[in-house]
C-alpha atoms as a PDB file:
ATOM      1  CA  MET A   1     128.263  30.363  95.623  1.00  0.00           C
ATOM      2  CA  THR A   2     127.055  27.791  98.123  1.00  0.00           C
ATOM      3  CA  GLY A   3     123.779  28.034  99.994  1.00  0.00           C
ATOM      4  CA  HIS A   4     125.526  29.252 103.141  1.00  0.00           C
ATOM      5  CA  GLU A   5     127.419  32.237 101.759  1.00  0.00           C
ATOM      6  CA  SER A   6     126.087  35.711 102.366  1.00  0.00           C
ATOM      7  CA  ALA A   7     126.398  38.736 100.130  1.00  0.00           C
ATOM      8  CA  GLU A   8     129.466  39.887 102.089  1.00  0.00           C
ATOM      9  CA  ASP A   9     131.233  36.577 101.320  1.00  0.00           C
ATOM     10  CA  ARG A  10     131.059  37.073  97.557  1.00  0.00           C
ATOM     11  CA  PRO A  11     133.821  39.057  95.860  1.00  0.00           C
ATOM     12  CA  GLY A  12     132.741  42.681  95.637  1.00  0.00           C
ATOM     13  CA  GLY A  13     129.394  41.924  97.267  1.00  0.00           C
ATOM     14  CA  THR A  14     127.676  43.877  99.990  1.00  0.00           C
ATOM     15  CA  ALA A  15     124.369  43.246 101.682  1.00  0.00           C
ATOM     16  CA  ASP A  16     122.549  46.416 100.737  1.00  0.00           C
ATOM     17  CA  GLU A  17     118.978  47.019  99.664  1.00  0.00           C
ATOM     18  CA  SER A  18     119.868  46.907  95.966  1.00  0.00           C
ATOM     19  CA  GLN A  19     120.307  43.129  96.189  1.00  0.00           C
ATOM     20  CA  VAL A  20     116.916  42.540  97.785  1.00  0.00           C
ATOM     21  CA  ALA A  21     113.893  41.892  95.568  1.00  0.00           C
ATOM     22  CA  PRO A  22     112.158  45.055  94.292  1.00  0.00           C
ATOM     23  CA  GLY A  23     109.539  46.247  96.743  1.00  0.00           C
ATOM     24  CA  MET A  24     111.179  44.458  99.672  1.00  0.00           C
ATOM     25  CA  ARG A  25     113.428  45.985 102.300  1.00  0.00           C
ATOM     26  CA  VAL A  26     115.302  44.219 105.089  1.00  0.00           C
ATOM     27  CA  VAL A  27     115.010  46.334 108.220  1.00  0.00           C
ATOM     28  CA  ALA A  28     116.677  44.020 110.745  1.00  0.00           C
ATOM     29  CA  GLY A  29     118.821  40.935 110.794  1.00  0.00           C
ATOM     30  CA  ALA A  30     120.812  39.319 108.040  1.00  0.00           C
ATOM     31  CA  PRO A  31     118.557  36.898 106.157  1.00  0.00           C
ATOM     32  CA  THR A  32     120.091  34.434 103.748  1.00  0.00           C
ATOM     33  CA  PRO A  33     119.127  34.505 100.081  1.00  0.00           C
ATOM     34  CA  GLU A  34     117.106  31.333 100.684  1.00  0.00           C
ATOM     35  CA  GLU A  35     115.152  33.003 103.500  1.00  0.00           C
ATOM     36  CA  LEU A  36     114.452  36.037 101.325  1.00  0.00           C
ATOM     37  CA  ALA A  37     113.319  33.764  98.501  1.00  0.00           C
ATOM     38  CA  ALA A  38     110.982  31.912 100.872  1.00  0.00           C
ATOM     39  CA  VAL A  39     109.435  35.167 102.110  1.00  0.00           C
ATOM     40  CA  ALA A  40     109.049  36.436  98.546  1.00  0.00           C
ATOM     41  CA  ALA A  41     107.386  33.167  97.495  1.00  0.00           C
ATOM     42  CA  VAL A  42     104.913  33.295 100.388  1.00  0.00           C
ATOM     43  CA  LEU A  43     104.039  36.939  99.701  1.00  0.00           C
ATOM     44  CA  GLN A  44     103.631  36.245  95.977  1.00  0.00           C
ATOM     45  CA  ALA A  45     101.363  33.257  96.679  1.00  0.00           C
ATOM     46  CA  ALA A  46      99.244  35.367  99.042  1.00  0.00           C
ATOM     47  CA  ALA A  47      98.965  38.124  96.429  1.00  0.00           C
ATOM     48  CA  VAL A  48      97.936  35.649  93.718  1.00  0.00           C
ATOM     49  CA  GLU A  49      95.351  34.084  96.035  1.00  0.00           C
ATOM     50  CA  ALA A  50      93.951  37.500  96.984  1.00  0.00           C
ATOM     51  CA  ALA A  51      93.749  38.522  93.329  1.00  0.00           C
ATOM     52  CA  ALA A  52      91.929  35.306  92.449  1.00  0.00           C
ATOM     53  CA  ALA A  53      89.444  35.904  95.257  1.00  0.00           C
ATOM     54  CA  GLY A  54      88.892  39.519  94.194  1.00  0.00           C
ATOM     55  CA  ARG A  55      90.484  40.949  97.342  1.00  0.00           C
ATOM     56  CA  ALA A  56      93.544  42.412  95.678  1.00  0.00           C
ATOM     57  CA  VAL A  57      94.626  45.845  96.805  1.00  0.00           C
ATOM     58  CA  VAL A  58      95.305  47.939  93.733  1.00  0.00           C
ATOM     59  CA  SER A  59      96.335  51.249  95.283  1.00  0.00           C
ATOM     60  CA  ASP A  60      99.822  51.818  96.667  1.00  0.00           C
ATOM     61  CA  THR A  61      98.831  55.044  98.393  1.00  0.00           C
ATOM     62  CA  PRO A  62      97.787  54.839 102.038  1.00  0.00           C
ATOM     63  CA  ARG A  63      94.140  55.507 102.818  1.00  0.00           C
ATOM     64  CA  SER A  64      93.472  58.791 104.559  1.00  0.00           C
ATOM     65  CA  ALA A  65      91.620  58.717 107.868  1.00  0.00           C
ATOM     66  CA  TRP A  66      89.308  61.384 106.446  1.00  0.00           C
ATOM     67  CA  ASN A  67      88.014  58.829 103.929  1.00  0.00           C
ATOM     68  CA  ALA A  68      87.616  55.984 106.414  1.00  0.00           C
ATOM     69  CA  SER A  69      84.070  54.677 106.592  1.00  0.00           C
ATOM     70  CA  ALA A  70      84.187  54.385 110.393  1.00  0.00           C
ATOM     71  CA  ARG A  71      84.833  58.113 110.726  1.00  0.00           C
ATOM     72  CA  GLY A  72      81.147  58.933 110.319  1.00  0.00           C
ATOM     73  CA  LEU A  73      80.078  56.476 113.011  1.00  0.00           C
ATOM     74  CA  ARG A  74      79.681  57.561 116.595  1.00  0.00           C
ATOM     75  CA  LYS A  75      78.275  56.183 119.801  1.00  0.00           C
ATOM     76  CA  PRO A  76      74.563  56.732 120.353  1.00  0.00           C
ATOM     77  CA  VAL A  77      73.592  59.674 122.552  1.00  0.00           C
ATOM     78  CA  VAL A  78      72.722  58.577 126.068  1.00  0.00           C
ATOM     79  CA  ARG A  79      69.412  59.858 127.373  1.00  0.00           C
ATOM     80  CA  GLY A  80      69.303  61.560 130.706  1.00  0.00           C
ATOM     81  CA  GLY A  81      70.674  64.597 132.485  1.00  0.00           C
ATOM     82  CA  ALA A  82      74.312  63.899 131.625  1.00  0.00           C
ATOM     83  CA  GLY A  83      73.621  62.573 128.138  1.00  0.00           C
ATOM     84  CA  TRP A  84      75.228  65.478 126.389  1.00  0.00           C
ATOM     85  CA  ARG A  85      78.446  64.942 128.378  1.00  0.00           C
ATOM     86  CA  GLU A  86      78.486  61.221 127.614  1.00  0.00           C
ATOM     87  CA  SER A  87      78.039  61.857 123.891  1.00  0.00           C
ATOM     88  CA  LEU A  88      81.407  63.624 123.780  1.00  0.00           C
ATOM     89  CA  ARG A  89      83.366  60.644 125.140  1.00  0.00           C
END
């Protein structure tokens, strides 16, 4: 296989998600294996750097808006005759 062949060019090959690295999914376009390898290398380097800096995200589950720290914050109540109306905006 040369560097310019795609998965469709190989005998019996198709460009489906099973040939993409685990945890990656191509949603548009037709990237070459070299392009996919470059993206995977950049993402891996960023993950290693984040882990070394202590910023690594451990959880795969999305964070609920109910648990967001900003949920408890609100704008201060405006004093005056229409303050109660302004506090609801």
